[in-house]
N, C-alpha and C. Protein backbone atom coordinates (compact mmCIF):
# COMPACT_ATOMS: atom_id res chain seq x y z
N GLY A 1 86.54 93.20 103.57
CA GLY A 1 86.30 93.55 104.92
C GLY A 1 87.53 93.62 105.72
N HIS A 2 87.45 93.92 106.98
CA HIS A 2 88.56 94.09 107.82
C HIS A 2 88.33 93.11 108.95
N VAL A 3 88.59 91.84 108.70
CA VAL A 3 88.31 90.73 109.52
C VAL A 3 89.03 90.95 110.96
N LEU A 4 90.13 91.54 111.04
CA LEU A 4 90.91 91.76 112.35
C LEU A 4 90.03 92.55 113.30
N GLU A 5 89.17 93.48 112.81
CA GLU A 5 88.31 94.22 113.67
C GLU A 5 87.39 93.32 114.44
N TYR A 6 87.09 92.08 113.91
CA TYR A 6 86.20 91.25 114.55
C TYR A 6 86.83 90.15 115.40
N HIS A 7 88.13 90.21 115.53
CA HIS A 7 88.83 89.28 116.30
C HIS A 7 88.43 89.51 117.81
N PRO A 8 88.13 88.46 118.49
CA PRO A 8 87.63 88.48 119.89
C PRO A 8 88.62 89.33 120.72
N ALA A 9 89.91 89.10 120.52
CA ALA A 9 90.88 89.90 121.29
C ALA A 9 90.79 91.42 121.03
N ILE A 10 90.54 91.71 119.79
CA ILE A 10 90.51 93.22 119.42
C ILE A 10 89.09 93.75 119.95
N LEU A 11 88.07 92.96 119.94
CA LEU A 11 86.82 93.33 120.55
C LEU A 11 87.01 93.63 122.12
N ARG A 12 87.71 92.69 122.64
CA ARG A 12 88.03 92.88 124.11
C ARG A 12 88.83 94.07 124.35
N LEU A 13 89.89 94.29 123.53
CA LEU A 13 90.76 95.47 123.66
C LEU A 13 89.92 96.72 123.49
N TYR A 14 89.00 96.83 122.60
CA TYR A 14 88.13 97.85 122.32
C TYR A 14 87.29 98.21 123.57
N ASP A 15 86.80 97.18 124.22
CA ASP A 15 86.04 97.33 125.42
C ASP A 15 86.99 97.94 126.52
N LEU A 16 88.23 97.54 126.58
CA LEU A 16 89.11 98.08 127.64
C LEU A 16 89.41 99.55 127.39
N VAL A 17 89.60 99.81 126.15
CA VAL A 17 89.91 101.30 125.79
C VAL A 17 88.65 102.15 126.06
N GLN A 18 87.50 101.73 125.55
CA GLN A 18 86.24 102.47 125.71
C GLN A 18 85.85 102.56 127.21
N GLY A 19 86.09 101.56 127.91
CA GLY A 19 85.73 101.57 129.35
C GLY A 19 86.62 102.31 130.19
N GLY A 20 87.80 102.78 129.71
CA GLY A 20 88.65 103.64 130.42
C GLY A 20 89.66 102.94 131.25
N ALA A 21 89.87 101.53 131.03
CA ALA A 21 90.79 100.80 131.78
C ALA A 21 92.22 101.21 131.60
N LEU A 22 92.52 101.78 130.38
CA LEU A 22 93.92 102.21 130.11
C LEU A 22 94.05 103.63 130.51
N GLY A 23 93.00 104.36 130.93
CA GLY A 23 93.16 105.86 131.18
C GLY A 23 93.11 106.54 129.74
N LYS A 24 93.73 107.60 129.72
CA LYS A 24 93.83 108.41 128.43
C LYS A 24 94.73 107.66 127.57
N VAL A 25 94.37 107.40 126.27
CA VAL A 25 95.30 106.72 125.45
C VAL A 25 96.31 107.79 124.97
N TYR A 26 97.53 107.41 125.09
CA TYR A 26 98.75 108.23 124.65
C TYR A 26 99.10 107.98 123.20
N TYR A 27 99.39 106.68 122.96
CA TYR A 27 99.77 106.20 121.54
C TYR A 27 99.43 104.76 121.38
N ILE A 28 99.49 104.46 120.09
CA ILE A 28 99.22 103.05 119.66
C ILE A 28 100.25 102.68 118.62
N TYR A 29 100.84 101.52 118.74
CA TYR A 29 101.71 101.13 117.63
C TYR A 29 101.36 99.65 117.25
N SER A 30 101.67 99.37 115.98
CA SER A 30 101.40 98.17 115.42
C SER A 30 102.50 97.65 114.61
N ASN A 31 103.01 96.37 114.78
CA ASN A 31 104.00 95.72 113.98
C ASN A 31 103.47 94.52 113.35
N ARG A 32 103.51 94.46 112.00
CA ARG A 32 103.01 93.31 111.20
C ARG A 32 104.27 92.93 110.29
N LEU A 33 104.95 92.04 110.74
CA LEU A 33 106.37 91.81 110.18
C LEU A 33 106.50 90.25 109.87
N SER A 34 107.21 89.94 108.86
CA SER A 34 107.51 88.52 108.66
C SER A 34 108.42 88.35 107.38
N LEU A 35 108.99 87.20 107.19
CA LEU A 35 109.65 86.91 105.98
C LEU A 35 108.69 85.97 105.29
N GLY A 36 107.74 86.65 104.63
CA GLY A 36 106.65 85.82 104.03
C GLY A 36 106.67 86.07 102.44
N LYS A 37 105.48 85.75 101.96
CA LYS A 37 105.36 85.87 100.46
C LYS A 37 105.50 87.30 100.11
N VAL A 38 106.40 87.51 99.24
CA VAL A 38 106.62 88.89 98.59
C VAL A 38 105.80 88.99 97.41
N ARG A 39 104.83 89.98 97.48
CA ARG A 39 103.82 90.22 96.32
C ARG A 39 104.46 91.12 95.31
N ARG A 40 104.02 90.74 94.03
CA ARG A 40 104.49 91.60 92.86
C ARG A 40 103.39 92.52 92.46
N GLU A 41 102.14 92.29 92.86
CA GLU A 41 101.03 93.19 92.42
C GLU A 41 100.76 94.31 93.32
N GLU A 42 101.29 94.34 94.55
CA GLU A 42 101.02 95.41 95.45
C GLU A 42 102.16 95.52 96.45
N ASN A 43 102.36 96.74 97.09
CA ASN A 43 103.40 96.90 98.08
C ASN A 43 102.86 96.47 99.40
N ILE A 44 103.85 96.42 100.35
CA ILE A 44 103.52 95.98 101.71
C ILE A 44 102.55 96.81 102.47
N LEU A 45 102.52 98.14 102.15
CA LEU A 45 101.52 99.02 102.77
C LEU A 45 100.21 98.63 102.44
N TRP A 46 99.86 98.33 101.13
CA TRP A 46 98.53 97.96 100.77
C TRP A 46 98.23 96.53 101.08
N SER A 47 99.22 95.68 101.25
CA SER A 47 98.95 94.27 101.62
C SER A 47 98.72 94.04 103.02
N PHE A 48 99.57 94.62 103.88
CA PHE A 48 99.48 94.32 105.34
C PHE A 48 98.79 95.29 106.13
N ALA A 49 99.13 96.61 105.95
CA ALA A 49 98.68 97.73 106.78
C ALA A 49 97.18 98.05 106.83
N PRO A 50 96.41 97.69 105.93
CA PRO A 50 94.97 98.06 106.10
C PRO A 50 94.36 97.42 107.32
N HIS A 51 94.70 96.25 107.69
CA HIS A 51 94.18 95.54 108.90
C HIS A 51 94.52 96.43 110.03
N ASP A 52 95.69 96.89 110.24
CA ASP A 52 96.12 97.72 111.37
C ASP A 52 95.41 99.03 111.39
N VAL A 53 95.41 99.64 110.20
CA VAL A 53 94.63 101.01 110.03
C VAL A 53 93.22 100.77 110.53
N ALA A 54 92.45 99.79 110.05
CA ALA A 54 91.20 99.51 110.46
C ALA A 54 90.93 99.46 111.99
N VAL A 55 91.87 98.68 112.63
CA VAL A 55 91.80 98.44 114.12
C VAL A 55 92.04 99.70 114.80
N ILE A 56 93.06 100.42 114.31
CA ILE A 56 93.41 101.76 114.98
C ILE A 56 92.29 102.69 114.96
N LEU A 57 91.63 102.82 113.71
CA LEU A 57 90.49 103.75 113.56
C LEU A 57 89.30 103.33 114.46
N ARG A 58 89.09 102.06 114.62
CA ARG A 58 88.09 101.56 115.43
C ARG A 58 88.33 101.83 116.93
N LEU A 59 89.62 101.65 117.39
CA LEU A 59 89.87 101.99 118.71
C LEU A 59 89.81 103.52 119.01
N MET A 60 90.15 104.27 118.01
CA MET A 60 90.17 105.82 118.29
C MET A 60 88.80 106.33 118.03
N GLY A 61 87.86 105.72 117.17
CA GLY A 61 86.59 106.18 117.02
C GLY A 61 86.51 107.43 116.18
N SER A 62 87.68 107.78 115.39
CA SER A 62 87.78 108.96 114.53
C SER A 62 88.86 108.75 113.52
N LEU A 63 88.84 109.70 112.62
CA LEU A 63 89.91 109.65 111.56
C LEU A 63 91.06 110.51 111.93
N PRO A 64 92.29 110.28 111.56
CA PRO A 64 93.45 111.07 111.77
C PRO A 64 93.36 112.24 111.02
N PHE A 65 93.90 113.38 111.49
CA PHE A 65 93.90 114.62 110.59
C PHE A 65 95.27 114.66 109.78
N GLN A 66 96.17 113.84 110.19
CA GLN A 66 97.48 113.80 109.50
C GLN A 66 98.06 112.39 109.42
N VAL A 67 98.41 112.01 108.11
CA VAL A 67 98.89 110.71 107.84
C VAL A 67 100.21 110.86 107.03
N ALA A 68 101.22 110.14 107.40
CA ALA A 68 102.53 110.11 106.55
C ALA A 68 102.95 108.78 106.58
N ALA A 69 103.38 108.27 105.33
CA ALA A 69 103.86 106.87 105.16
C ALA A 69 105.20 106.97 104.47
N TYR A 70 106.16 106.23 104.93
CA TYR A 70 107.48 106.13 104.37
C TYR A 70 107.94 104.69 104.13
N GLY A 71 108.54 104.46 102.98
CA GLY A 71 108.80 103.00 102.64
C GLY A 71 110.09 102.92 101.88
N GLY A 72 110.50 101.67 101.75
CA GLY A 72 111.75 101.38 101.07
C GLY A 72 111.42 100.16 100.15
N ASN A 73 111.98 100.20 99.00
CA ASN A 73 111.88 99.00 98.01
C ASN A 73 113.20 98.44 97.79
N TYR A 74 113.36 97.18 98.37
CA TYR A 74 114.73 96.50 98.30
C TYR A 74 114.77 95.44 97.42
N VAL A 75 113.67 94.65 97.29
CA VAL A 75 113.65 93.45 96.46
C VAL A 75 113.22 93.66 95.00
N GLN A 76 112.28 94.56 94.85
CA GLN A 76 111.79 94.94 93.49
C GLN A 76 111.67 96.43 93.33
N PRO A 77 111.97 96.82 92.24
CA PRO A 77 111.92 98.45 91.96
C PRO A 77 110.45 98.78 92.13
N ASN A 78 110.23 99.90 92.83
CA ASN A 78 108.97 100.59 92.79
C ASN A 78 107.88 99.87 93.59
N ILE A 79 108.18 98.78 94.37
CA ILE A 79 107.24 98.13 95.21
C ILE A 79 107.83 98.10 96.65
N ALA A 80 107.28 98.82 97.48
CA ALA A 80 107.79 98.93 98.92
C ALA A 80 107.69 97.60 99.59
N ASP A 81 108.85 97.30 100.25
CA ASP A 81 108.94 95.98 101.02
C ASP A 81 108.67 96.25 102.46
N VAL A 82 108.92 97.43 102.98
CA VAL A 82 108.95 97.89 104.36
C VAL A 82 108.30 99.38 104.32
N THR A 83 107.37 99.54 105.18
CA THR A 83 106.82 100.88 105.39
C THR A 83 106.66 101.23 106.89
N VAL A 84 106.69 102.51 107.21
CA VAL A 84 106.36 102.95 108.53
C VAL A 84 105.30 104.09 108.23
N THR A 85 104.16 104.02 108.92
CA THR A 85 103.13 104.91 108.80
C THR A 85 102.84 105.62 110.11
N HIS A 86 102.69 106.98 110.06
CA HIS A 86 102.38 107.67 111.29
C HIS A 86 101.03 108.35 111.08
N LEU A 87 100.19 108.22 112.10
CA LEU A 87 98.89 108.88 112.17
C LEU A 87 98.79 109.70 113.40
N LEU A 88 98.24 110.93 113.24
CA LEU A 88 98.05 111.86 114.27
C LEU A 88 96.60 112.16 114.37
N PHE A 89 95.97 112.08 115.60
CA PHE A 89 94.56 112.36 115.75
C PHE A 89 94.47 113.68 116.49
N ASP A 90 93.14 114.21 116.25
CA ASP A 90 92.88 115.53 116.92
C ASP A 90 93.14 115.63 118.44
N ASN A 91 92.97 114.57 119.15
CA ASN A 91 93.18 114.44 120.63
C ASN A 91 94.63 114.37 120.94
N GLY A 92 95.51 114.30 120.06
CA GLY A 92 96.90 114.21 120.25
C GLY A 92 97.53 112.82 120.31
N VAL A 93 96.60 111.87 120.14
CA VAL A 93 97.11 110.50 120.12
C VAL A 93 97.85 110.30 118.76
N ARG A 94 98.90 109.57 118.85
CA ARG A 94 99.65 109.18 117.67
C ARG A 94 99.58 107.71 117.56
N ALA A 95 99.63 107.20 116.31
CA ALA A 95 99.69 105.80 116.01
C ALA A 95 100.82 105.59 115.03
N HIS A 96 101.53 104.41 115.09
CA HIS A 96 102.58 104.14 114.28
C HIS A 96 102.34 102.68 113.77
N ILE A 97 102.46 102.44 112.56
CA ILE A 97 102.35 101.06 111.92
C ILE A 97 103.64 100.75 111.09
N HIS A 98 104.28 99.60 111.54
CA HIS A 98 105.38 99.20 110.90
C HIS A 98 105.10 97.84 110.24
N VAL A 99 105.18 97.76 108.88
CA VAL A 99 104.93 96.54 108.18
C VAL A 99 106.05 96.18 107.31
N SER A 100 106.40 94.90 107.15
CA SER A 100 107.45 94.43 106.36
C SER A 100 107.37 92.90 106.04
N TRP A 101 107.81 92.59 104.83
CA TRP A 101 107.86 91.20 104.53
C TRP A 101 109.34 90.87 104.36
N LEU A 102 110.24 91.72 104.87
CA LEU A 102 111.66 91.48 104.96
C LEU A 102 112.07 91.47 106.41
N HIS A 103 111.70 90.52 107.17
CA HIS A 103 111.95 90.52 108.61
C HIS A 103 112.39 89.06 109.03
N PRO A 104 113.23 88.96 109.95
CA PRO A 104 113.78 87.58 110.29
C PRO A 104 112.87 86.81 111.06
N PHE A 105 111.76 87.34 111.63
CA PHE A 105 110.83 86.46 112.36
C PHE A 105 109.46 87.15 112.31
N LYS A 106 108.35 86.33 112.49
CA LYS A 106 106.95 86.80 112.40
C LYS A 106 106.57 87.51 113.71
N GLU A 107 106.05 88.68 113.49
CA GLU A 107 105.49 89.46 114.64
C GLU A 107 104.31 90.16 114.17
N GLN A 108 103.28 89.98 114.90
CA GLN A 108 101.95 90.62 114.70
C GLN A 108 101.49 91.12 116.07
N ARG A 109 101.87 92.39 116.40
CA ARG A 109 101.59 92.92 117.67
C ARG A 109 101.00 94.27 117.61
N LEU A 110 100.06 94.46 118.43
CA LEU A 110 99.32 95.83 118.56
C LEU A 110 99.42 96.21 120.09
N VAL A 111 100.00 97.35 120.29
CA VAL A 111 100.24 97.93 121.67
C VAL A 111 99.42 99.23 121.82
N VAL A 112 98.72 99.33 122.88
CA VAL A 112 98.01 100.59 123.24
C VAL A 112 98.55 101.16 124.58
N VAL A 113 99.19 102.30 124.58
CA VAL A 113 99.78 102.80 125.88
C VAL A 113 98.85 103.94 126.36
N GLY A 114 98.40 103.75 127.63
CA GLY A 114 97.50 104.69 128.26
C GLY A 114 98.11 105.27 129.47
N SER A 115 97.42 106.29 130.02
CA SER A 115 97.93 107.03 131.24
C SER A 115 97.95 106.10 132.42
N GLN A 116 97.12 105.05 132.48
CA GLN A 116 96.92 104.29 133.65
C GLN A 116 97.53 102.79 133.44
N GLN A 117 97.29 102.29 132.29
CA GLN A 117 97.79 100.99 131.96
C GLN A 117 98.13 100.82 130.49
N MET A 118 98.63 99.73 130.14
CA MET A 118 99.09 99.46 128.77
C MET A 118 98.50 98.06 128.44
N ALA A 119 98.28 97.91 127.07
CA ALA A 119 97.76 96.60 126.66
C ALA A 119 98.52 96.12 125.41
N SER A 120 98.73 94.90 125.26
CA SER A 120 99.47 94.34 124.10
C SER A 120 98.71 93.13 123.66
N PHE A 121 98.36 93.11 122.26
CA PHE A 121 97.82 91.93 121.69
C PHE A 121 98.81 91.23 120.71
N ASP A 122 99.26 90.08 121.03
CA ASP A 122 100.20 89.33 120.14
C ASP A 122 99.31 88.40 119.42
N ASP A 123 99.22 88.66 118.09
CA ASP A 123 98.36 87.74 117.22
C ASP A 123 99.04 86.52 116.81
N VAL A 124 100.38 86.41 116.97
CA VAL A 124 101.07 85.21 116.79
C VAL A 124 100.83 84.22 117.96
N ALA A 125 101.03 84.78 119.12
CA ALA A 125 100.90 83.85 120.39
C ALA A 125 99.43 83.88 120.78
N LYS A 126 98.50 84.60 120.17
CA LYS A 126 97.15 84.68 120.55
C LYS A 126 96.91 85.04 122.00
N ARG A 127 97.61 86.15 122.37
CA ARG A 127 97.52 86.60 123.79
C ARG A 127 97.26 88.15 123.83
N LEU A 128 96.35 88.48 124.74
CA LEU A 128 96.02 89.80 125.05
C LEU A 128 96.48 90.00 126.51
N VAL A 129 97.33 91.02 126.73
CA VAL A 129 97.88 91.20 128.06
C VAL A 129 97.64 92.71 128.50
N LEU A 130 97.21 92.81 129.72
CA LEU A 130 97.04 94.17 130.25
C LEU A 130 98.17 94.42 131.32
N TYR A 131 98.91 95.45 131.12
CA TYR A 131 100.04 95.73 131.98
C TYR A 131 99.65 96.86 132.96
N ASP A 132 99.91 96.64 134.18
CA ASP A 132 99.62 97.70 135.15
C ASP A 132 100.89 98.50 135.29
N GLN A 133 101.23 99.24 134.23
CA GLN A 133 102.46 100.10 134.08
C GLN A 133 102.01 101.48 133.51
N ARG A 134 102.83 102.48 134.05
CA ARG A 134 102.55 103.82 133.67
C ARG A 134 103.68 104.60 134.15
N VAL A 135 103.62 105.96 133.80
CA VAL A 135 104.64 106.90 134.35
C VAL A 135 103.85 107.92 135.23
N GLU A 136 104.22 108.07 136.51
CA GLU A 136 103.60 109.02 137.49
C GLU A 136 104.55 110.18 137.65
N LEU A 137 104.00 111.31 137.97
CA LEU A 137 104.90 112.43 138.38
C LEU A 137 104.94 112.44 139.87
N THR A 138 106.10 112.43 140.42
CA THR A 138 106.35 112.48 141.93
C THR A 138 107.35 113.64 142.16
N ALA A 139 106.73 114.68 142.74
CA ALA A 139 107.60 115.93 143.00
C ALA A 139 108.06 116.45 141.67
N GLY A 140 107.25 116.37 140.73
CA GLY A 140 107.54 116.90 139.42
C GLY A 140 108.46 116.11 138.51
N GLU A 141 108.86 114.94 139.09
CA GLU A 141 109.76 114.15 138.33
C GLU A 141 108.96 112.90 137.77
N PRO A 142 109.21 112.47 136.54
CA PRO A 142 108.52 111.32 136.01
C PRO A 142 109.19 110.08 136.57
N VAL A 143 108.30 109.20 137.12
CA VAL A 143 108.77 108.01 137.80
C VAL A 143 107.98 106.74 137.14
N PRO A 144 108.65 105.81 136.53
CA PRO A 144 108.01 104.67 135.98
C PRO A 144 107.44 103.81 137.04
N VAL A 145 106.23 103.32 136.87
CA VAL A 145 105.60 102.35 137.79
C VAL A 145 105.47 101.05 136.91
N GLN A 146 106.26 100.06 137.38
CA GLN A 146 106.26 98.85 136.56
C GLN A 146 105.56 97.74 137.39
N GLY A 147 104.28 97.56 136.96
CA GLY A 147 103.51 96.53 137.49
C GLY A 147 103.52 95.35 136.70
N ARG A 148 102.79 94.28 137.10
CA ARG A 148 102.72 92.99 136.40
C ARG A 148 101.72 93.12 135.17
N GLY A 149 102.01 92.11 134.29
CA GLY A 149 101.06 92.01 133.13
C GLY A 149 100.12 90.82 133.52
N ALA A 150 98.85 90.92 133.11
CA ALA A 150 97.88 89.87 133.36
C ALA A 150 97.16 89.54 131.99
N ALA A 151 97.15 88.27 131.76
CA ALA A 151 96.49 87.81 130.58
C ALA A 151 94.92 88.17 130.61
N VAL A 152 94.38 88.72 129.49
CA VAL A 152 93.01 89.06 129.56
C VAL A 152 92.30 88.06 128.63
N PRO A 153 91.36 87.29 129.17
CA PRO A 153 90.72 86.35 128.46
C PRO A 153 89.75 86.88 127.37
N PHE A 154 89.65 86.21 126.30
CA PHE A 154 88.80 86.64 125.27
C PHE A 154 88.09 85.32 124.61
N ALA A 155 86.96 85.51 123.91
CA ALA A 155 86.22 84.34 123.37
C ALA A 155 87.10 83.72 122.18
N SER A 156 86.82 82.54 121.87
CA SER A 156 87.50 81.78 120.87
C SER A 156 86.75 81.82 119.60
N ASP A 157 85.77 82.75 119.33
CA ASP A 157 85.00 82.89 118.13
C ASP A 157 85.81 83.08 116.83
N GLU A 158 85.45 82.58 115.74
CA GLU A 158 86.12 82.79 114.52
C GLU A 158 85.87 84.19 114.00
N PRO A 159 86.85 85.02 113.83
CA PRO A 159 86.64 86.40 113.40
C PRO A 159 85.89 86.56 112.01
N LEU A 160 86.16 85.72 111.04
CA LEU A 160 85.45 85.79 109.89
C LEU A 160 83.93 85.54 109.98
N ARG A 161 83.63 84.60 110.83
CA ARG A 161 82.21 84.25 111.08
C ARG A 161 81.53 85.46 111.73
N LEU A 162 82.21 86.13 112.74
CA LEU A 162 81.74 87.27 113.34
C LEU A 162 81.43 88.40 112.42
N GLU A 163 82.47 88.57 111.53
CA GLU A 163 82.28 89.59 110.46
C GLU A 163 81.09 89.33 109.59
N CYS A 164 81.04 88.15 109.16
CA CYS A 164 79.72 87.78 108.32
C CYS A 164 78.49 87.91 109.00
N GLN A 165 78.50 87.66 110.32
CA GLN A 165 77.26 87.89 111.14
C GLN A 165 76.91 89.35 111.18
N ALA A 166 77.95 90.15 111.33
CA ALA A 166 77.66 91.60 111.41
C ALA A 166 77.11 92.14 110.04
N PHE A 167 77.68 91.60 108.98
CA PHE A 167 77.19 92.04 107.69
C PHE A 167 75.72 91.60 107.50
N LEU A 168 75.43 90.38 107.87
CA LEU A 168 74.04 89.87 107.83
C LEU A 168 73.07 90.76 108.67
N THR A 169 73.57 91.07 109.88
CA THR A 169 72.76 91.96 110.78
C THR A 169 72.54 93.25 110.13
N ALA A 170 73.51 93.82 109.52
CA ALA A 170 73.38 95.08 108.94
C ALA A 170 72.41 95.14 107.72
N LEU A 171 72.20 94.05 107.15
CA LEU A 171 71.33 93.94 106.03
C LEU A 171 69.87 94.03 106.37
N HIS A 172 69.57 93.61 107.63
CA HIS A 172 68.15 93.52 108.18
C HIS A 172 67.75 94.90 108.72
């Protein structure tokens, strides 16, 4: 399963995107980085990125028509330690996923940039923030509008429990 899809902050972010709070989604990026356990049986793309892919597909509500992934193997031959994946959707939205287990600090962040606002979910700090920031055209010139960020509350439910409940509900 993709337990991150059931994280209350991701569910809240999905509501913000679907409700139009961000405006038109321009792009999404996700970083899942750490100096963690280096696996020998799979590369970083298959180990870390499926969570981010699942969330991005949920937020977009469609499959990308183009996917490209690039990686580097530095610790073990033929096992990528770092990858960057690019997804392009029919509506022009691009998503970027950077995963690595060769990183000096832990970061698990998902950012959605829209025409009206931007949102960031930091899974390490357990914070979802909605930023009143955008770029507006004034006399044909792009002008950044830098508003404040506001924490978005979300439930404290256990994602795995929510996923299991959804599975049981689907069986009935």
